[in-house]
Amino acid sequence: MGNHEFIEKAKKAVREYTIEHLDKSEGVPPFDVFVVWCCKTLQNHKALLSTTISDGMYYEVTYNGDKNEAYFDAYKKFENKVIMKEG
């Protein structure tokens, strides 16, 4: 699988997951899915993605080229704080 195809499939998976988990009473707001980081090593791909919805969610999609399998993880950021400061 090429990088472009992987990214498109990963973005589609995030969009579908997001829509599936929205509060149905509020409808589906317009939103974009974007890639925060991606990497391809040998036949494997990994991407971290998020959406423009401010819900603190981010997603990890990994493609294992040896097994022709993709894995999807959804995470919620609970906190972001400084733990070390130089100088």
N, C-alpha and C. Protein backbone atom coordinates (compact mmCIF):
# COMPACT_ATOMS: atom_id res chain seq x y z
N MET A 1 0.84 -1.17 0.00
CA MET A 1 0.00 0.00 0.00
C MET A 1 0.89 1.24 0.00
N GLY A 2 0.58 2.17 -0.86
CA GLY A 2 1.33 3.41 -0.92
C GLY A 2 0.92 4.37 0.19
N ASN A 3 1.76 5.38 0.42
CA ASN A 3 1.51 6.34 1.49
C ASN A 3 0.22 7.12 1.29
N HIS A 4 -0.03 7.57 0.07
CA HIS A 4 -1.25 8.34 -0.20
C HIS A 4 -2.50 7.50 0.08
N GLU A 5 -2.50 6.27 -0.37
CA GLU A 5 -3.65 5.38 -0.13
C GLU A 5 -3.85 5.14 1.37
N PHE A 6 -2.75 4.92 2.10
CA PHE A 6 -2.84 4.71 3.54
C PHE A 6 -3.44 5.93 4.23
N ILE A 7 -2.95 7.11 3.90
CA ILE A 7 -3.45 8.34 4.54
C ILE A 7 -4.94 8.52 4.25
N GLU A 8 -5.36 8.30 3.01
CA GLU A 8 -6.78 8.45 2.67
C GLU A 8 -7.64 7.46 3.45
N LYS A 9 -7.20 6.23 3.58
CA LYS A 9 -7.95 5.22 4.34
C LYS A 9 -7.97 5.57 5.82
N ALA A 10 -6.87 6.05 6.35
CA ALA A 10 -6.81 6.44 7.76
C ALA A 10 -7.76 7.60 8.04
N LYS A 11 -7.76 8.61 7.17
CA LYS A 11 -8.66 9.75 7.35
C LYS A 11 -10.12 9.32 7.26
N LYS A 12 -10.42 8.40 6.37
CA LYS A 12 -11.79 7.89 6.24
C LYS A 12 -12.20 7.16 7.51
N ALA A 13 -11.30 6.36 8.07
CA ALA A 13 -11.61 5.62 9.30
C ALA A 13 -11.87 6.59 10.46
N VAL A 14 -11.08 7.65 10.56
CA VAL A 14 -11.28 8.63 11.62
C VAL A 14 -12.60 9.36 11.43
N ARG A 15 -12.92 9.75 10.20
CA ARG A 15 -14.18 10.44 9.92
C ARG A 15 -15.36 9.55 10.31
N GLU A 16 -15.35 8.29 9.91
CA GLU A 16 -16.45 7.37 10.22
C GLU A 16 -16.58 7.16 11.72
N TYR A 17 -15.46 6.98 12.41
CA TYR A 17 -15.49 6.79 13.86
C TYR A 17 -16.05 8.03 14.55
N THR A 18 -15.60 9.19 14.13
CA THR A 18 -16.06 10.45 14.74
C THR A 18 -17.56 10.61 14.58
N ILE A 19 -18.06 10.42 13.38
CA ILE A 19 -19.49 10.55 13.12
C ILE A 19 -20.28 9.55 13.96
N GLU A 20 -19.79 8.33 14.03
CA GLU A 20 -20.46 7.27 14.78
C GLU A 20 -20.56 7.59 16.28
N HIS A 21 -19.59 8.36 16.80
CA HIS A 21 -19.53 8.62 18.24
C HIS A 21 -20.00 10.03 18.63
N LEU A 22 -20.53 10.78 17.69
CA LEU A 22 -21.08 12.10 18.02
C LEU A 22 -22.42 11.97 18.72
N ASP A 23 -22.79 12.98 19.47
CA ASP A 23 -24.12 13.05 20.08
C ASP A 23 -25.13 13.23 18.94
N LYS A 24 -25.97 12.23 18.74
CA LYS A 24 -26.89 12.21 17.59
C LYS A 24 -27.94 13.32 17.67
N SER A 25 -28.23 13.82 18.87
CA SER A 25 -29.25 14.85 19.00
C SER A 25 -28.78 16.20 18.47
N GLU A 26 -27.48 16.37 18.30
CA GLU A 26 -26.93 17.65 17.85
C GLU A 26 -26.62 17.66 16.35
N GLY A 27 -26.78 16.56 15.67
CA GLY A 27 -26.45 16.50 14.25
C GLY A 27 -24.95 16.39 14.05
N VAL A 28 -24.54 16.35 12.81
CA VAL A 28 -23.11 16.23 12.47
C VAL A 28 -22.58 17.60 12.06
N PRO A 29 -21.69 18.19 12.85
CA PRO A 29 -21.13 19.48 12.46
C PRO A 29 -20.12 19.30 11.33
N PRO A 30 -19.89 20.32 10.55
CA PRO A 30 -18.83 20.21 9.53
C PRO A 30 -17.47 20.13 10.24
N PHE A 31 -16.63 19.22 9.79
CA PHE A 31 -15.30 19.09 10.40
C PHE A 31 -14.34 18.49 9.38
N ASP A 32 -13.07 18.75 9.62
CA ASP A 32 -12.01 18.19 8.80
C ASP A 32 -11.20 17.20 9.62
N VAL A 33 -10.61 16.23 8.94
CA VAL A 33 -9.67 15.29 9.55
C VAL A 33 -8.29 15.65 9.00
N PHE A 34 -7.30 15.73 9.89
CA PHE A 34 -5.96 16.08 9.43
C PHE A 34 -4.92 15.17 10.06
N VAL A 35 -3.80 15.05 9.37
CA VAL A 35 -2.69 14.22 9.83
C VAL A 35 -1.76 15.09 10.66
N VAL A 36 -1.47 14.65 11.88
CA VAL A 36 -0.54 15.33 12.76
C VAL A 36 0.88 14.85 12.47
N TRP A 37 1.02 13.56 12.24
CA TRP A 37 2.33 12.95 12.02
C TRP A 37 2.12 11.64 11.28
N CYS A 38 3.04 11.29 10.39
CA CYS A 38 2.97 9.98 9.75
C CYS A 38 4.39 9.50 9.43
N CYS A 39 4.51 8.18 9.32
CA CYS A 39 5.80 7.56 9.06
C CYS A 39 5.58 6.27 8.28
N LYS A 40 6.50 5.98 7.37
CA LYS A 40 6.49 4.70 6.67
C LYS A 40 7.87 4.08 6.85
N THR A 41 7.89 2.87 7.37
CA THR A 41 9.14 2.13 7.54
C THR A 41 8.96 0.77 6.89
N LEU A 42 9.78 0.50 5.89
CA LEU A 42 9.66 -0.71 5.10
C LEU A 42 8.23 -0.82 4.57
N GLN A 43 7.49 -1.87 4.92
CA GLN A 43 6.14 -2.04 4.39
C GLN A 43 5.07 -1.58 5.39
N ASN A 44 5.48 -0.92 6.49
CA ASN A 44 4.54 -0.53 7.54
C ASN A 44 4.30 0.98 7.53
N HIS A 45 3.10 1.37 7.94
CA HIS A 45 2.73 2.77 8.04
C HIS A 45 2.17 3.04 9.43
N LYS A 46 2.34 4.27 9.89
CA LYS A 46 1.70 4.71 11.13
C LYS A 46 1.37 6.18 10.96
N ALA A 47 0.17 6.58 11.44
CA ALA A 47 -0.23 7.98 11.38
C ALA A 47 -0.97 8.35 12.64
N LEU A 48 -0.72 9.57 13.12
CA LEU A 48 -1.49 10.17 14.19
C LEU A 48 -2.36 11.23 13.55
N LEU A 49 -3.65 11.19 13.85
CA LEU A 49 -4.61 12.09 13.22
C LEU A 49 -5.49 12.74 14.26
N SER A 50 -6.15 13.82 13.87
CA SER A 50 -7.13 14.48 14.72
C SER A 50 -8.17 15.12 13.83
N THR A 51 -9.14 15.79 14.45
CA THR A 51 -10.18 16.49 13.70
C THR A 51 -10.24 17.94 14.18
N THR A 52 -11.00 18.75 13.48
CA THR A 52 -11.19 20.14 13.87
C THR A 52 -12.27 20.29 14.94
N ILE A 53 -12.87 19.19 15.37
CA ILE A 53 -13.82 19.22 16.49
C ILE A 53 -12.99 19.33 17.78
N SER A 54 -13.33 20.26 18.65
CA SER A 54 -12.53 20.48 19.86
C SER A 54 -12.99 19.56 20.99
N ASP A 55 -12.79 18.26 20.79
CA ASP A 55 -13.20 17.27 21.79
C ASP A 55 -12.02 16.58 22.47
N GLY A 56 -10.79 16.98 22.13
CA GLY A 56 -9.61 16.41 22.76
C GLY A 56 -9.23 15.02 22.27
N MET A 57 -9.88 14.55 21.21
CA MET A 57 -9.60 13.22 20.69
C MET A 57 -8.44 13.25 19.69
N TYR A 58 -7.67 12.19 19.69
CA TYR A 58 -6.72 11.95 18.61
C TYR A 58 -6.69 10.47 18.32
N TYR A 59 -6.18 10.12 17.16
CA TYR A 59 -6.31 8.77 16.65
C TYR A 59 -4.97 8.29 16.11
N GLU A 60 -4.76 6.98 16.25
CA GLU A 60 -3.55 6.35 15.72
C GLU A 60 -3.99 5.22 14.80
N VAL A 61 -3.50 5.25 13.58
CA VAL A 61 -3.79 4.18 12.62
C VAL A 61 -2.46 3.58 12.20
N THR A 62 -2.36 2.25 12.32
CA THR A 62 -1.15 1.53 12.00
C THR A 62 -1.47 0.46 10.97
N TYR A 63 -0.64 0.37 9.94
CA TYR A 63 -0.80 -0.67 8.92
C TYR A 63 0.39 -1.61 9.01
N ASN A 64 0.11 -2.90 9.21
CA ASN A 64 1.14 -3.93 9.24
C ASN A 64 1.19 -4.58 7.86
N GLY A 65 2.20 -4.24 7.09
CA GLY A 65 2.33 -4.74 5.74
C GLY A 65 2.59 -6.23 5.64
N ASP A 66 3.19 -6.82 6.68
CA ASP A 66 3.43 -8.27 6.68
C ASP A 66 2.13 -9.05 6.76
N LYS A 67 1.18 -8.55 7.54
CA LYS A 67 -0.09 -9.24 7.72
C LYS A 67 -1.23 -8.64 6.91
N ASN A 68 -0.95 -7.52 6.23
CA ASN A 68 -1.98 -6.81 5.46
C ASN A 68 -3.17 -6.46 6.37
N GLU A 69 -2.85 -5.95 7.59
CA GLU A 69 -3.86 -5.58 8.57
C GLU A 69 -3.63 -4.14 9.01
N ALA A 70 -4.73 -3.46 9.32
CA ALA A 70 -4.65 -2.11 9.87
C ALA A 70 -5.29 -2.11 11.25
N TYR A 71 -4.73 -1.29 12.14
CA TYR A 71 -5.21 -1.19 13.51
C TYR A 71 -5.58 0.26 13.80
N PHE A 72 -6.64 0.46 14.56
CA PHE A 72 -7.17 1.79 14.85
C PHE A 72 -7.26 1.97 16.36
N ASP A 73 -6.69 3.06 16.87
CA ASP A 73 -6.79 3.39 18.29
C ASP A 73 -7.32 4.81 18.42
N ALA A 74 -8.22 5.01 19.38
CA ALA A 74 -8.77 6.34 19.67
C ALA A 74 -8.37 6.72 21.08
N TYR A 75 -7.88 7.94 21.23
CA TYR A 75 -7.41 8.43 22.52
C TYR A 75 -8.05 9.78 22.84
N LYS A 76 -8.16 10.07 24.12
CA LYS A 76 -8.63 11.38 24.56
C LYS A 76 -7.54 11.99 25.42
N LYS A 77 -7.19 13.22 25.09
CA LYS A 77 -6.18 13.92 25.87
C LYS A 77 -6.84 14.49 27.13
N PHE A 78 -6.33 14.11 28.28
CA PHE A 78 -6.88 14.59 29.54
C PHE A 78 -6.11 15.77 30.10
N GLU A 79 -4.84 15.84 29.79
CA GLU A 79 -4.06 16.91 30.39
C GLU A 79 -2.82 17.18 29.56
N ASN A 80 -2.39 18.42 29.59
CA ASN A 80 -1.16 18.84 28.94
C ASN A 80 -0.50 19.84 29.87
N LYS A 81 0.61 19.45 30.50
CA LYS A 81 1.26 20.34 31.47
C LYS A 81 2.77 20.25 31.31
N VAL A 82 3.44 21.30 31.71
CA VAL A 82 4.89 21.35 31.71
C VAL A 82 5.39 20.45 32.84
N ILE A 83 6.31 19.54 32.52
CA ILE A 83 6.89 18.68 33.56
C ILE A 83 8.39 18.96 33.74
N MET A 84 8.98 19.68 32.79
CA MET A 84 10.39 19.99 32.89
C MET A 84 10.63 21.29 32.13
N LYS A 85 11.40 22.17 32.71
CA LYS A 85 11.72 23.43 32.06
C LYS A 85 13.21 23.67 32.16
N GLU A 86 13.84 23.87 31.03
CA GLU A 86 15.28 24.12 30.98
C GLU A 86 15.54 25.60 31.16
N GLY A 87 16.65 25.92 31.83
CA GLY A 87 17.12 27.29 31.91
C GLY A 87 16.56 28.12 32.95
